[in-house]
Amino acid sequence: MIHVLKSTYTKPADVVEQTRPAHLEFLNSEIAAGRLLLAGRQEDGSGGVLVTADISTEEAQDIVARDPYTHAGVANYERTSFNGAFRAAGL
């Protein structure tokens, strides 16, 4: 399954920014490991979106659980999963 992990910040931006370097390092490691395909902030600045590779629900939940934003209590995640039956070449 492909999972869209949408985060919503639960603390003010200055508090979120304190954890941002660790969060970005975490995202880079997940991309390097092949578990994440895309990651970025939402246009309105209210949170972010992570798009996983084809991984299990448990693996997606583990990504959320290990995210420094989760540990710091500055964001909550909502997961939407789909089968990714139609894909661009290379995905």
N, C-alpha and C. Protein backbone atom coordinates (compact mmCIF):
# COMPACT_ATOMS: atom_id res chain seq x y z
N MET A 1 0.83 -1.19 0.00
CA MET A 1 0.00 0.00 0.00
C MET A 1 0.87 1.25 0.00
N ILE A 2 0.36 2.27 -0.65
CA ILE A 2 0.95 3.61 -0.59
C ILE A 2 0.18 4.35 0.50
N HIS A 3 0.89 5.14 1.28
CA HIS A 3 0.26 5.86 2.38
C HIS A 3 0.58 7.34 2.25
N VAL A 4 -0.45 8.16 2.42
CA VAL A 4 -0.29 9.61 2.50
C VAL A 4 -0.43 9.96 3.97
N LEU A 5 0.63 10.50 4.53
CA LEU A 5 0.67 10.85 5.95
C LEU A 5 0.61 12.36 6.05
N LYS A 6 -0.53 12.88 6.46
CA LYS A 6 -0.73 14.33 6.54
C LYS A 6 -0.57 14.77 7.99
N SER A 7 0.37 15.67 8.22
CA SER A 7 0.57 16.16 9.58
C SER A 7 -0.09 17.52 9.74
N THR A 8 -0.52 17.77 10.96
CA THR A 8 -1.06 19.07 11.35
C THR A 8 -0.29 19.52 12.59
N TYR A 9 0.30 20.71 12.51
CA TYR A 9 1.04 21.22 13.66
C TYR A 9 0.09 21.50 14.81
N THR A 10 0.52 21.13 16.00
CA THR A 10 -0.29 21.33 17.20
C THR A 10 0.29 22.39 18.12
N LYS A 11 1.44 22.93 17.73
CA LYS A 11 2.12 23.97 18.51
C LYS A 11 2.43 25.15 17.59
N PRO A 12 2.72 26.31 18.17
CA PRO A 12 3.06 27.48 17.35
C PRO A 12 4.31 27.22 16.50
N ALA A 13 4.43 27.97 15.41
CA ALA A 13 5.52 27.78 14.45
C ALA A 13 6.89 27.86 15.10
N ASP A 14 7.09 28.75 16.06
CA ASP A 14 8.41 28.87 16.68
C ASP A 14 8.77 27.62 17.47
N VAL A 15 7.78 26.94 18.01
CA VAL A 15 8.03 25.68 18.74
C VAL A 15 8.32 24.56 17.75
N VAL A 16 7.57 24.50 16.65
CA VAL A 16 7.79 23.49 15.61
C VAL A 16 9.20 23.65 15.05
N GLU A 17 9.64 24.88 14.82
CA GLU A 17 10.96 25.14 14.24
C GLU A 17 12.10 24.60 15.09
N GLN A 18 11.91 24.48 16.38
CA GLN A 18 12.95 23.94 17.26
C GLN A 18 13.23 22.47 16.95
N THR A 19 12.22 21.76 16.48
CA THR A 19 12.36 20.33 16.18
C THR A 19 12.63 20.08 14.70
N ARG A 20 12.47 21.10 13.88
CA ARG A 20 12.59 20.96 12.42
C ARG A 20 13.91 20.33 11.97
N PRO A 21 15.08 20.72 12.48
CA PRO A 21 16.33 20.09 12.00
C PRO A 21 16.33 18.57 12.20
N ALA A 22 15.88 18.10 13.34
CA ALA A 22 15.83 16.65 13.59
C ALA A 22 14.80 15.99 12.67
N HIS A 23 13.68 16.67 12.44
CA HIS A 23 12.64 16.14 11.55
C HIS A 23 13.18 16.01 10.13
N LEU A 24 13.89 17.03 9.64
CA LEU A 24 14.43 16.99 8.28
C LEU A 24 15.48 15.89 8.14
N GLU A 25 16.30 15.70 9.14
CA GLU A 25 17.29 14.61 9.13
C GLU A 25 16.57 13.26 9.07
N PHE A 26 15.51 13.13 9.84
CA PHE A 26 14.70 11.91 9.84
C PHE A 26 14.11 11.65 8.45
N LEU A 27 13.54 12.69 7.83
CA LEU A 27 12.96 12.53 6.50
C LEU A 27 14.01 12.08 5.49
N ASN A 28 15.19 12.70 5.54
CA ASN A 28 16.27 12.31 4.62
C ASN A 28 16.65 10.85 4.81
N SER A 29 16.68 10.38 6.05
CA SER A 29 17.05 8.98 6.28
C SER A 29 15.96 8.04 5.78
N GLU A 30 14.70 8.43 5.91
CA GLU A 30 13.59 7.59 5.42
C GLU A 30 13.57 7.55 3.89
N ILE A 31 13.89 8.66 3.25
CA ILE A 31 13.98 8.69 1.78
C ILE A 31 15.15 7.82 1.33
N ALA A 32 16.29 7.95 1.99
CA ALA A 32 17.46 7.14 1.64
C ALA A 32 17.19 5.64 1.82
N ALA A 33 16.37 5.30 2.81
CA ALA A 33 16.04 3.89 3.07
C ALA A 33 14.96 3.38 2.12
N GLY A 34 14.37 4.27 1.32
CA GLY A 34 13.36 3.85 0.35
C GLY A 34 11.95 3.76 0.90
N ARG A 35 11.74 4.21 2.13
CA ARG A 35 10.39 4.13 2.72
C ARG A 35 9.53 5.34 2.37
N LEU A 36 10.15 6.50 2.14
CA LEU A 36 9.42 7.70 1.72
C LEU A 36 9.79 8.06 0.31
N LEU A 37 8.79 8.53 -0.46
CA LEU A 37 9.01 8.99 -1.83
C LEU A 37 9.04 10.50 -1.91
N LEU A 38 8.15 11.14 -1.16
CA LEU A 38 7.99 12.59 -1.21
C LEU A 38 7.69 13.11 0.19
N ALA A 39 8.11 14.34 0.44
CA ALA A 39 7.79 14.99 1.70
C ALA A 39 7.86 16.50 1.50
N GLY A 40 6.96 17.22 2.15
CA GLY A 40 6.99 18.68 2.06
C GLY A 40 5.91 19.31 2.90
N ARG A 41 6.06 20.62 3.08
CA ARG A 41 5.08 21.38 3.86
C ARG A 41 3.83 21.64 3.04
N GLN A 42 2.71 21.73 3.74
CA GLN A 42 1.47 22.11 3.10
C GLN A 42 1.54 23.58 2.72
N GLU A 43 0.86 23.94 1.66
CA GLU A 43 0.90 25.30 1.15
C GLU A 43 0.51 26.33 2.19
N ASP A 44 -0.46 25.99 3.04
CA ASP A 44 -0.93 26.96 4.04
C ASP A 44 -0.08 26.98 5.30
N GLY A 45 0.96 26.13 5.37
CA GLY A 45 1.86 26.13 6.51
C GLY A 45 1.31 25.46 7.76
N SER A 46 0.19 24.76 7.64
CA SER A 46 -0.45 24.15 8.81
C SER A 46 0.13 22.79 9.18
N GLY A 47 1.04 22.27 8.34
CA GLY A 47 1.62 20.95 8.58
C GLY A 47 2.35 20.49 7.34
N GLY A 48 2.45 19.19 7.16
CA GLY A 48 3.17 18.65 6.02
C GLY A 48 2.51 17.40 5.49
N VAL A 49 3.07 16.88 4.40
CA VAL A 49 2.57 15.66 3.77
C VAL A 49 3.76 14.77 3.45
N LEU A 50 3.65 13.50 3.82
CA LEU A 50 4.64 12.49 3.47
C LEU A 50 3.93 11.46 2.60
N VAL A 51 4.58 11.03 1.53
CA VAL A 51 4.05 9.98 0.67
C VAL A 51 5.04 8.82 0.73
N THR A 52 4.55 7.68 1.17
CA THR A 52 5.42 6.52 1.35
C THR A 52 5.59 5.73 0.06
N ALA A 53 6.57 4.87 0.07
CA ALA A 53 6.71 3.84 -0.96
C ALA A 53 5.63 2.79 -0.69
N ASP A 54 5.66 1.71 -1.42
CA ASP A 54 4.69 0.63 -1.24
C ASP A 54 5.13 -0.19 -0.01
N ILE A 55 4.59 0.18 1.15
CA ILE A 55 4.96 -0.44 2.42
C ILE A 55 3.70 -0.86 3.17
N SER A 56 3.88 -1.62 4.22
CA SER A 56 2.73 -2.08 5.01
C SER A 56 2.20 -0.95 5.88
N THR A 57 0.98 -1.16 6.36
CA THR A 57 0.37 -0.21 7.30
C THR A 57 1.23 -0.08 8.55
N GLU A 58 1.75 -1.20 9.01
CA GLU A 58 2.59 -1.18 10.22
C GLU A 58 3.85 -0.35 10.01
N GLU A 59 4.45 -0.47 8.83
CA GLU A 59 5.65 0.33 8.52
C GLU A 59 5.31 1.82 8.46
N ALA A 60 4.16 2.15 7.90
CA ALA A 60 3.73 3.56 7.85
C ALA A 60 3.50 4.10 9.25
N GLN A 61 2.85 3.31 10.10
CA GLN A 61 2.62 3.73 11.48
C GLN A 61 3.94 3.89 12.23
N ASP A 62 4.93 3.06 11.89
CA ASP A 62 6.24 3.15 12.51
C ASP A 62 6.95 4.44 12.11
N ILE A 63 6.79 4.86 10.85
CA ILE A 63 7.37 6.13 10.42
C ILE A 63 6.82 7.27 11.27
N VAL A 64 5.50 7.29 11.43
CA VAL A 64 4.87 8.33 12.25
C VAL A 64 5.38 8.26 13.68
N ALA A 65 5.45 7.07 14.23
CA ALA A 65 5.87 6.91 15.63
C ALA A 65 7.31 7.36 15.86
N ARG A 66 8.18 7.19 14.85
CA ARG A 66 9.59 7.55 15.01
C ARG A 66 9.90 8.99 14.62
N ASP A 67 8.95 9.69 14.03
CA ASP A 67 9.17 11.07 13.59
C ASP A 67 9.46 11.97 14.80
N PRO A 68 10.52 12.77 14.75
CA PRO A 68 10.80 13.70 15.85
C PRO A 68 9.65 14.64 16.17
N TYR A 69 8.84 15.00 15.17
CA TYR A 69 7.67 15.84 15.44
C TYR A 69 6.68 15.12 16.36
N THR A 70 6.52 13.82 16.16
CA THR A 70 5.65 13.03 17.04
C THR A 70 6.23 12.98 18.44
N HIS A 71 7.52 12.70 18.54
CA HIS A 71 8.18 12.62 19.86
C HIS A 71 8.09 13.94 20.62
N ALA A 72 8.20 15.06 19.89
CA ALA A 72 8.16 16.38 20.53
C ALA A 72 6.73 16.85 20.79
N GLY A 73 5.75 16.14 20.25
CA GLY A 73 4.36 16.52 20.45
C GLY A 73 3.95 17.78 19.71
N VAL A 74 4.63 18.07 18.58
CA VAL A 74 4.32 19.29 17.84
C VAL A 74 3.44 19.06 16.62
N ALA A 75 3.14 17.79 16.32
CA ALA A 75 2.29 17.48 15.16
C ALA A 75 1.54 16.17 15.39
N ASN A 76 0.36 16.12 14.80
CA ASN A 76 -0.44 14.89 14.74
C ASN A 76 -0.51 14.47 13.29
N TYR A 77 -0.62 13.16 13.05
CA TYR A 77 -0.69 12.63 11.69
C TYR A 77 -2.02 11.94 11.43
N GLU A 78 -2.46 12.08 10.18
CA GLU A 78 -3.63 11.35 9.66
C GLU A 78 -3.13 10.53 8.48
N ARG A 79 -3.47 9.25 8.46
CA ARG A 79 -3.01 8.36 7.39
C ARG A 79 -4.14 8.01 6.45
N THR A 80 -3.88 8.15 5.15
CA THR A 80 -4.79 7.68 4.10
C THR A 80 -3.99 6.70 3.25
N SER A 81 -4.54 5.52 3.05
CA SER A 81 -3.84 4.48 2.30
C SER A 81 -4.59 4.13 1.03
N PHE A 82 -3.83 3.78 -0.03
CA PHE A 82 -4.45 3.36 -1.27
C PHE A 82 -3.53 2.37 -1.96
N ASN A 83 -4.08 1.63 -2.93
CA ASN A 83 -3.32 0.53 -3.53
C ASN A 83 -2.35 0.95 -4.63
N GLY A 84 -2.40 2.16 -5.10
CA GLY A 84 -1.44 2.63 -6.10
C GLY A 84 -1.43 1.80 -7.37
N ALA A 85 -2.62 1.35 -7.79
CA ALA A 85 -2.71 0.46 -8.96
C ALA A 85 -2.23 1.11 -10.24
N PHE A 86 -2.43 2.41 -10.38
CA PHE A 86 -2.01 3.13 -11.58
C PHE A 86 -0.84 4.02 -11.20
N ARG A 87 0.30 3.80 -11.88
CA ARG A 87 1.54 4.47 -11.50
C ARG A 87 2.27 5.00 -12.73
N ALA A 88 2.97 6.10 -12.54
CA ALA A 88 3.86 6.60 -13.57
C ALA A 88 5.03 5.64 -13.73
N ALA A 89 5.64 5.63 -14.87
CA ALA A 89 6.81 4.78 -15.08
C ALA A 89 7.88 5.12 -14.05
N GLY A 90 8.49 4.10 -13.52
CA GLY A 90 9.55 4.31 -12.53
C GLY A 90 9.08 4.29 -11.09
N LEU A 91 7.80 4.27 -10.86
CA LEU A 91 7.29 4.22 -9.49
C LEU A 91 6.87 2.81 -9.13
